[in-house]
Amino acid sequence: MLKKRAYSYLKIASTLDGKIATRTGHSRWI
């Protein structure tokens, strides 16, 4: 009604120390 834009969800899958992938980019499966 006020901002005329889509409502946005952000999904993050993380380890306890805040990482979403290893240094090589491997993330399947956290």
PDB file of all heavy atoms in Angstrom:
ATOM      1  N   MET A   1       0.819  -1.204   0.000  1.00  0.00           N
ATOM      2  CA  MET A   1       0.000   0.000   0.000  1.00  0.00           C
ATOM      3  C   MET A   1       0.861   1.267   0.000  1.00  0.00           C
ATOM      4  O   MET A   1       0.565   2.225  -0.718  1.00  0.00           O
ATOM      5  CB  MET A   1      -0.925  -0.021   1.222  1.00  0.00           C
ATOM      6  CG  MET A   1      -1.931   1.097   1.294  1.00  0.00           C
ATOM      7  SD  MET A   1      -3.134   0.804   2.623  1.00  0.00           S
ATOM      8  CE  MET A   1      -2.091   0.467   4.034  1.00  0.00           C
ATOM      9  N   LEU A   2       1.941   1.269   0.773  1.00  0.00           N
ATOM     10  CA  LEU A   2       2.725   2.489   0.961  1.00  0.00           C
ATOM     11  C   LEU A   2       3.917   2.606   0.014  1.00  0.00           C
ATOM     12  O   LEU A   2       4.231   3.697  -0.463  1.00  0.00           O
ATOM     13  CB  LEU A   2       3.215   2.576   2.413  1.00  0.00           C
ATOM     14  CG  LEU A   2       2.131   2.640   3.500  1.00  0.00           C
ATOM     15  CD1 LEU A   2       2.775   2.757   4.871  1.00  0.00           C
ATOM     16  CD2 LEU A   2       1.181   3.802   3.256  1.00  0.00           C
ATOM     17  N   LYS A   3       4.600   1.488  -0.256  1.00  0.00           N
ATOM     18  CA  LYS A   3       5.829   1.552  -1.055  1.00  0.00           C
ATOM     19  C   LYS A   3       5.681   0.993  -2.457  1.00  0.00           C
ATOM     20  O   LYS A   3       6.604   1.129  -3.280  1.00  0.00           O
ATOM     21  CB  LYS A   3       6.966   0.830  -0.315  1.00  0.00           C
ATOM     22  CG  LYS A   3       7.343   1.510   0.999  1.00  0.00           C
ATOM     23  CD  LYS A   3       8.641   0.956   1.561  1.00  0.00           C
ATOM     24  CE  LYS A   3       9.051   1.716   2.822  1.00  0.00           C
ATOM     25  NZ  LYS A   3      10.331   1.203   3.383  1.00  0.00           N
ATOM     26  N   LYS A   4       4.571   0.334  -2.729  1.00  0.00           N
ATOM     27  CA  LYS A   4       4.277  -0.149  -4.093  1.00  0.00           C
ATOM     28  C   LYS A   4       5.401  -1.032  -4.642  1.00  0.00           C
ATOM     29  O   LYS A   4       5.839  -0.885  -5.780  1.00  0.00           O
ATOM     30  CB  LYS A   4       4.056   1.025  -5.053  1.00  0.00           C
ATOM     31  CG  LYS A   4       3.084   2.074  -4.564  1.00  0.00           C
ATOM     32  CD  LYS A   4       1.679   1.544  -4.428  1.00  0.00           C
ATOM     33  CE  LYS A   4       0.724   2.673  -4.056  1.00  0.00           C
ATOM     34  NZ  LYS A   4      -0.581   2.198  -3.607  1.00  0.00           N
ATOM     35  N   ARG A   5       5.877  -1.959  -3.835  1.00  0.00           N
ATOM     36  CA  ARG A   5       6.888  -2.896  -4.302  1.00  0.00           C
ATOM     37  C   ARG A   5       6.638  -4.282  -3.724  1.00  0.00           C
ATOM     38  O   ARG A   5       5.834  -4.457  -2.795  1.00  0.00           O
ATOM     39  CB  ARG A   5       8.300  -2.434  -3.937  1.00  0.00           C
ATOM     40  CG  ARG A   5       8.634  -2.478  -2.450  1.00  0.00           C
ATOM     41  CD  ARG A   5      10.152  -2.436  -2.252  1.00  0.00           C
ATOM     42  NE  ARG A   5      10.551  -2.304  -0.852  1.00  0.00           N
ATOM     43  CZ  ARG A   5      10.652  -3.321  -0.009  1.00  0.00           C
ATOM     44  NH1 ARG A   5      10.354  -4.550  -0.393  1.00  0.00           N
ATOM     45  NH2 ARG A   5      11.040  -3.114   1.248  1.00  0.00           N
ATOM     46  N   ALA A   6       7.333  -5.274  -4.278  1.00  0.00           N
ATOM     47  CA  ALA A   6       7.183  -6.648  -3.812  1.00  0.00           C
ATOM     48  C   ALA A   6       7.755  -6.803  -2.407  1.00  0.00           C
ATOM     49  O   ALA A   6       8.763  -6.190  -2.053  1.00  0.00           O
ATOM     50  CB  ALA A   6       7.885  -7.605  -4.774  1.00  0.00           C
ATOM     51  N   TYR A   7       7.103  -7.647  -1.612  1.00  0.00           N
ATOM     52  CA  TYR A   7       7.567  -7.983  -0.264  1.00  0.00           C
ATOM     53  C   TYR A   7       8.716  -8.974  -0.397  1.00  0.00           C
ATOM     54  O   TYR A   7       8.621  -9.972  -1.112  1.00  0.00           O
ATOM     55  CB  TYR A   7       6.418  -8.593   0.529  1.00  0.00           C
ATOM     56  CG  TYR A   7       6.681  -8.794   1.996  1.00  0.00           C
ATOM     57  CD1 TYR A   7       6.490  -7.762   2.904  1.00  0.00           C
ATOM     58  CD2 TYR A   7       7.068 -10.030   2.496  1.00  0.00           C
ATOM     59  CE1 TYR A   7       6.697  -7.941   4.257  1.00  0.00           C
ATOM     60  CE2 TYR A   7       7.279 -10.227   3.841  1.00  0.00           C
ATOM     61  CZ  TYR A   7       7.094  -9.184   4.730  1.00  0.00           C
ATOM     62  OH  TYR A   7       7.296  -9.378   6.075  1.00  0.00           O
ATOM     63  N   SER A   8       9.814  -8.720   0.309  1.00  0.00           N
ATOM     64  CA  SER A   8      11.061  -9.439   0.062  1.00  0.00           C
ATOM     65  C   SER A   8      11.460 -10.329   1.236  1.00  0.00           C
ATOM     66  O   SER A   8      11.689  -9.849   2.351  1.00  0.00           O
ATOM     67  CB  SER A   8      12.182  -8.427  -0.222  1.00  0.00           C
ATOM     68  OG  SER A   8      13.435  -9.050  -0.258  1.00  0.00           O
ATOM     69  N   TYR A   9      11.557 -11.633   0.959  1.00  0.00           N
ATOM     70  CA  TYR A   9      12.153 -12.581   1.897  1.00  0.00           C
ATOM     71  C   TYR A   9      13.626 -12.770   1.523  1.00  0.00           C
ATOM     72  O   TYR A   9      13.959 -12.889   0.344  1.00  0.00           O
ATOM     73  CB  TYR A   9      11.483 -13.952   1.821  1.00  0.00           C
ATOM     74  CG  TYR A   9      10.034 -14.010   2.238  1.00  0.00           C
ATOM     75  CD1 TYR A   9       9.025 -14.072   1.279  1.00  0.00           C
ATOM     76  CD2 TYR A   9       9.669 -14.044   3.573  1.00  0.00           C
ATOM     77  CE1 TYR A   9       7.694 -14.146   1.645  1.00  0.00           C
ATOM     78  CE2 TYR A   9       8.336 -14.128   3.956  1.00  0.00           C
ATOM     79  CZ  TYR A   9       7.353 -14.184   2.986  1.00  0.00           C
ATOM     80  OH  TYR A   9       6.033 -14.266   3.345  1.00  0.00           O
ATOM     81  N   LEU A  10      14.485 -12.849   2.517  1.00  0.00           N
ATOM     82  CA  LEU A  10      15.888 -13.217   2.308  1.00  0.00           C
ATOM     83  C   LEU A  10      16.147 -14.506   3.065  1.00  0.00           C
ATOM     84  O   LEU A  10      15.882 -14.591   4.267  1.00  0.00           O
ATOM     85  CB  LEU A  10      16.821 -12.113   2.807  1.00  0.00           C
ATOM     86  CG  LEU A  10      18.318 -12.452   2.855  1.00  0.00           C
ATOM     87  CD1 LEU A  10      18.855 -12.753   1.457  1.00  0.00           C
ATOM     88  CD2 LEU A  10      19.111 -11.312   3.505  1.00  0.00           C
ATOM     89  N   LYS A  11      16.665 -15.522   2.359  1.00  0.00           N
ATOM     90  CA  LYS A  11      16.984 -16.801   2.986  1.00  0.00           C
ATOM     91  C   LYS A  11      18.490 -16.976   3.062  1.00  0.00           C
ATOM     92  O   LYS A  11      19.198 -16.792   2.080  1.00  0.00           O
ATOM     93  CB  LYS A  11      16.350 -17.944   2.185  1.00  0.00           C
ATOM     94  CG  LYS A  11      16.527 -19.331   2.815  1.00  0.00           C
ATOM     95  CD  LYS A  11      17.834 -20.030   2.465  1.00  0.00           C
ATOM     96  CE  LYS A  11      17.970 -20.350   0.996  1.00  0.00           C
ATOM     97  NZ  LYS A  11      19.259 -21.116   0.723  1.00  0.00           N
ATOM     98  N   ILE A  12      18.977 -17.319   4.247  1.00  0.00           N
ATOM     99  CA  ILE A  12      20.388 -17.615   4.450  1.00  0.00           C
ATOM    100  C   ILE A  12      20.494 -18.979   5.140  1.00  0.00           C
ATOM    101  O   ILE A  12      19.813 -19.218   6.139  1.00  0.00           O
ATOM    102  CB  ILE A  12      21.076 -16.551   5.329  1.00  0.00           C
ATOM    103  CG1 ILE A  12      21.028 -15.170   4.663  1.00  0.00           C
ATOM    104  CG2 ILE A  12      22.513 -16.957   5.643  1.00  0.00           C
ATOM    105  CD1 ILE A  12      21.911 -15.017   3.469  1.00  0.00           C
ATOM    106  N   ALA A  13      21.333 -19.857   4.621  1.00  0.00           N
ATOM    107  CA  ALA A  13      21.657 -21.126   5.277  1.00  0.00           C
ATOM    108  C   ALA A  13      23.108 -21.044   5.720  1.00  0.00           C
ATOM    109  O   ALA A  13      24.011 -20.910   4.886  1.00  0.00           O
ATOM    110  CB  ALA A  13      21.439 -22.300   4.330  1.00  0.00           C
ATOM    111  N   SER A  14      23.344 -21.103   7.025  1.00  0.00           N
ATOM    112  CA  SER A  14      24.664 -20.787   7.564  1.00  0.00           C
ATOM    113  C   SER A  14      25.111 -21.802   8.612  1.00  0.00           C
ATOM    114  O   SER A  14      24.293 -22.426   9.293  1.00  0.00           O
ATOM    115  CB  SER A  14      24.628 -19.383   8.180  1.00  0.00           C
ATOM    116  OG  SER A  14      25.790 -19.104   8.919  1.00  0.00           O
ATOM    117  N   THR A  15      26.435 -21.927   8.744  1.00  0.00           N
ATOM    118  CA  THR A  15      27.003 -22.662   9.863  1.00  0.00           C
ATOM    119  C   THR A  15      26.923 -21.798  11.117  1.00  0.00           C
ATOM    120  O   THR A  15      26.606 -20.603  11.042  1.00  0.00           O
ATOM    121  CB  THR A  15      28.472 -23.017   9.591  1.00  0.00           C
ATOM    122  OG1 THR A  15      29.205 -21.789   9.434  1.00  0.00           O
ATOM    123  CG2 THR A  15      28.601 -23.850   8.320  1.00  0.00           C
ATOM    124  N   LEU A  16      27.260 -22.373  12.259  1.00  0.00           N
ATOM    125  CA  LEU A  16      27.203 -21.612  13.504  1.00  0.00           C
ATOM    126  C   LEU A  16      28.199 -20.458  13.516  1.00  0.00           C
ATOM    127  O   LEU A  16      27.987 -19.465  14.218  1.00  0.00           O
ATOM    128  CB  LEU A  16      27.467 -22.536  14.699  1.00  0.00           C
ATOM    129  CG  LEU A  16      26.366 -23.565  15.019  1.00  0.00           C
ATOM    130  CD1 LEU A  16      26.787 -24.414  16.206  1.00  0.00           C
ATOM    131  CD2 LEU A  16      25.033 -22.873  15.299  1.00  0.00           C
ATOM    132  N   ASP A  17      29.282 -20.575  12.749  1.00  0.00           N
ATOM    133  CA  ASP A  17      30.248 -19.482  12.701  1.00  0.00           C
ATOM    134  C   ASP A  17      30.019 -18.553  11.510  1.00  0.00           C
ATOM    135  O   ASP A  17      30.918 -17.836  11.071  1.00  0.00           O
ATOM    136  CB  ASP A  17      31.692 -20.003  12.719  1.00  0.00           C
ATOM    137  CG  ASP A  17      31.977 -21.052  11.655  1.00  0.00           C
ATOM    138  OD1 ASP A  17      31.017 -21.662  11.150  1.00  0.00           O
ATOM    139  OD2 ASP A  17      33.152 -21.282  11.339  1.00  0.00           O
ATOM    140  N   GLY A  18      28.786 -18.557  10.985  1.00  0.00           N
ATOM    141  CA  GLY A  18      28.388 -17.546  10.008  1.00  0.00           C
ATOM    142  C   GLY A  18      28.889 -17.754   8.602  1.00  0.00           C
ATOM    143  O   GLY A  18      28.997 -16.784   7.842  1.00  0.00           O
ATOM    144  N   LYS A  19      29.158 -18.992   8.195  1.00  0.00           N
ATOM    145  CA  LYS A  19      29.655 -19.267   6.848  1.00  0.00           C
ATOM    146  C   LYS A  19      28.570 -19.930   6.006  1.00  0.00           C
ATOM    147  O   LYS A  19      27.860 -20.820   6.462  1.00  0.00           O
ATOM    148  CB  LYS A  19      30.884 -20.174   6.896  1.00  0.00           C
ATOM    149  CG  LYS A  19      32.017 -19.660   7.779  1.00  0.00           C
ATOM    150  CD  LYS A  19      32.526 -18.303   7.322  1.00  0.00           C
ATOM    151  CE  LYS A  19      33.678 -17.832   8.204  1.00  0.00           C
ATOM    152  NZ  LYS A  19      34.163 -16.487   7.829  1.00  0.00           N
ATOM    153  N   ILE A  20      28.471 -19.477   4.741  1.00  0.00           N
ATOM    154  CA  ILE A  20      27.495 -20.055   3.820  1.00  0.00           C
ATOM    155  C   ILE A  20      28.161 -20.983   2.801  1.00  0.00           C
ATOM    156  O   ILE A  20      27.479 -21.623   2.012  1.00  0.00           O
ATOM    157  CB  ILE A  20      26.702 -18.961   3.086  1.00  0.00           C
ATOM    158  CG1 ILE A  20      27.625 -18.045   2.283  1.00  0.00           C
ATOM    159  CG2 ILE A  20      25.868 -18.164   4.082  1.00  0.00           C
ATOM    160  CD1 ILE A  20      26.893 -17.041   1.417  1.00  0.00           C
ATOM    161  N   ALA A  21      29.486 -21.053   2.835  1.00  0.00           N
ATOM    162  CA  ALA A  21      30.232 -21.953   1.956  1.00  0.00           C
ATOM    163  C   ALA A  21      31.680 -21.997   2.427  1.00  0.00           C
ATOM    164  O   ALA A  21      32.137 -21.129   3.185  1.00  0.00           O
ATOM    165  CB  ALA A  21      30.163 -21.488   0.496  1.00  0.00           C
ATOM    166  N   THR A  22      32.397 -23.016   1.980  1.00  0.00           N
ATOM    167  CA  THR A  22      33.824 -23.094   2.272  1.00  0.00           C
ATOM    168  C   THR A  22      34.583 -22.064   1.431  1.00  0.00           C
ATOM    169  O   THR A  22      34.011 -21.401   0.570  1.00  0.00           O
ATOM    170  CB  THR A  22      34.368 -24.494   1.949  1.00  0.00           C
ATOM    171  OG1 THR A  22      34.304 -24.697   0.522  1.00  0.00           O
ATOM    172  CG2 THR A  22      33.553 -25.579   2.640  1.00  0.00           C
ATOM    173  N   ARG A  23      35.874 -21.976   1.650  1.00  0.00           N
ATOM    174  CA  ARG A  23      36.687 -21.017   0.890  1.00  0.00           C
ATOM    175  C   ARG A  23      36.687 -21.322  -0.609  1.00  0.00           C
ATOM    176  O   ARG A  23      36.928 -20.439  -1.427  1.00  0.00           O
ATOM    177  CB  ARG A  23      38.125 -20.993   1.407  1.00  0.00           C
ATOM    178  CG  ARG A  23      38.867 -22.319   1.257  1.00  0.00           C
ATOM    179  CD  ARG A  23      40.325 -22.160   1.587  1.00  0.00           C
ATOM    180  NE  ARG A  23      40.532 -21.805   2.986  1.00  0.00           N
ATOM    181  CZ  ARG A  23      41.672 -21.295   3.443  1.00  0.00           C
ATOM    182  NH1 ARG A  23      42.680 -21.068   2.610  1.00  0.00           N
ATOM    183  NH2 ARG A  23      41.815 -21.008   4.722  1.00  0.00           N
ATOM    184  N   THR A  24      36.369 -22.589  -0.972  1.00  0.00           N
ATOM    185  CA  THR A  24      36.308 -22.957  -2.389  1.00  0.00           C
ATOM    186  C   THR A  24      34.916 -22.784  -2.982  1.00  0.00           C
ATOM    187  O   THR A  24      34.707 -23.045  -4.172  1.00  0.00           O
ATOM    188  CB  THR A  24      36.740 -24.425  -2.571  1.00  0.00           C
ATOM    189  OG1 THR A  24      35.819 -25.284  -1.873  1.00  0.00           O
ATOM    190  CG2 THR A  24      38.150 -24.650  -2.052  1.00  0.00           C
ATOM    191  N   GLY A  25      33.957 -22.361  -2.150  1.00  0.00           N
ATOM    192  CA  GLY A  25      32.594 -22.172  -2.628  1.00  0.00           C
ATOM    193  C   GLY A  25      31.698 -23.375  -2.444  1.00  0.00           C
ATOM    194  O   GLY A  25      30.526 -23.337  -2.836  1.00  0.00           O
ATOM    195  N   HIS A  26      32.185 -24.452  -1.825  1.00  0.00           N
ATOM    196  CA  HIS A  26      31.380 -25.661  -1.634  1.00  0.00           C
ATOM    197  C   HIS A  26      30.356 -25.431  -0.515  1.00  0.00           C
ATOM    198  O   HIS A  26      30.707 -25.024   0.587  1.00  0.00           O
ATOM    199  CB  HIS A  26      32.288 -26.844  -1.275  1.00  0.00           C
ATOM    200  CG  HIS A  26      31.545 -28.136  -1.179  1.00  0.00           C
ATOM    201  ND1 HIS A  26      31.211 -28.726   0.020  1.00  0.00           N
ATOM    202  CD2 HIS A  26      31.050 -28.944  -2.146  1.00  0.00           C
ATOM    203  CE1 HIS A  26      30.553 -29.853  -0.208  1.00  0.00           C
ATOM    204  NE2 HIS A  26      30.447 -30.005  -1.515  1.00  0.00           N
ATOM    205  N   SER A  27      29.076 -25.699  -0.820  1.00  0.00           N
ATOM    206  CA  SER A  27      28.022 -25.422   0.169  1.00  0.00           C
ATOM    207  C   SER A  27      26.982 -26.534   0.276  1.00  0.00           C
ATOM    208  O   SER A  27      25.998 -26.368   1.000  1.00  0.00           O
ATOM    209  CB  SER A  27      27.318 -24.109  -0.182  1.00  0.00           C
ATOM    210  OG  SER A  27      26.694 -24.206  -1.458  1.00  0.00           O
ATOM    211  N   ARG A  28      27.130 -27.639  -0.436  1.00  0.00           N
ATOM    212  CA  ARG A  28      26.137 -28.715  -0.412  1.00  0.00           C
ATOM    213  C   ARG A  28      26.590 -29.846   0.500  1.00  0.00           C
ATOM    214  O   ARG A  28      27.576 -30.507   0.206  1.00  0.00           O
ATOM    215  CB  ARG A  28      25.897 -29.236  -1.821  1.00  0.00           C
ATOM    216  CG  ARG A  28      25.266 -28.201  -2.736  1.00  0.00           C
ATOM    217  CD  ARG A  28      24.861 -28.806  -4.054  1.00  0.00           C
ATOM    218  NE  ARG A  28      24.209 -27.809  -4.900  1.00  0.00           N
ATOM    219  CZ  ARG A  28      23.759 -28.063  -6.131  1.00  0.00           C
ATOM    220  NH1 ARG A  28      23.893 -29.283  -6.650  1.00  0.00           N
ATOM    221  NH2 ARG A  28      23.180 -27.114  -6.833  1.00  0.00           N
ATOM    222  N   TRP A  29      25.841 -30.121   1.560  1.00  0.00           N
ATOM    223  CA  TRP A  29      24.730 -29.271   2.006  1.00  0.00           C
ATOM    224  C   TRP A  29      25.045 -28.763   3.406  1.00  0.00           C
ATOM    225  O   TRP A  29      25.526 -29.524   4.247  1.00  0.00           O
ATOM    226  CB  TRP A  29      23.402 -30.017   2.015  1.00  0.00           C
ATOM    227  CG  TRP A  29      22.939 -30.444   0.664  1.00  0.00           C
ATOM    228  CD1 TRP A  29      22.971 -31.688   0.133  1.00  0.00           C
ATOM    229  CD2 TRP A  29      22.344 -29.604  -0.337  1.00  0.00           C
ATOM    230  NE1 TRP A  29      22.430 -31.704  -1.128  1.00  0.00           N
ATOM    231  CE2 TRP A  29      22.034 -30.420  -1.434  1.00  0.00           C
ATOM    232  CE3 TRP A  29      22.034 -28.251  -0.416  1.00  0.00           C
ATOM    233  CZ2 TRP A  29      21.447 -29.927  -2.597  1.00  0.00           C
ATOM    234  CZ3 TRP A  29      21.448 -27.761  -1.551  1.00  0.00           C
ATOM    235  CH2 TRP A  29      21.160 -28.599  -2.631  1.00  0.00           C
ATOM    236  N   ILE A  30      24.774 -27.495   3.649  1.00  0.00           N
ATOM    237  CA  ILE A  30      24.944 -26.945   4.993  1.00  0.00           C
ATOM    238  C   ILE A  30      23.820 -27.420   5.890  1.00  0.00           C
ATOM    239  O   ILE A  30      24.042 -27.889   7.007  1.00  0.00           O
ATOM    240  CB  ILE A  30      24.996 -25.402   4.948  1.00  0.00           C
ATOM    241  CG1 ILE A  30      26.283 -24.937   4.257  1.00  0.00           C
ATOM    242  CG2 ILE A  30      24.911 -24.816   6.358  1.00  0.00           C
ATOM    243  CD1 ILE A  30      26.370 -23.445   4.081  1.00  0.00           C
TER     244      ILE A  30
END
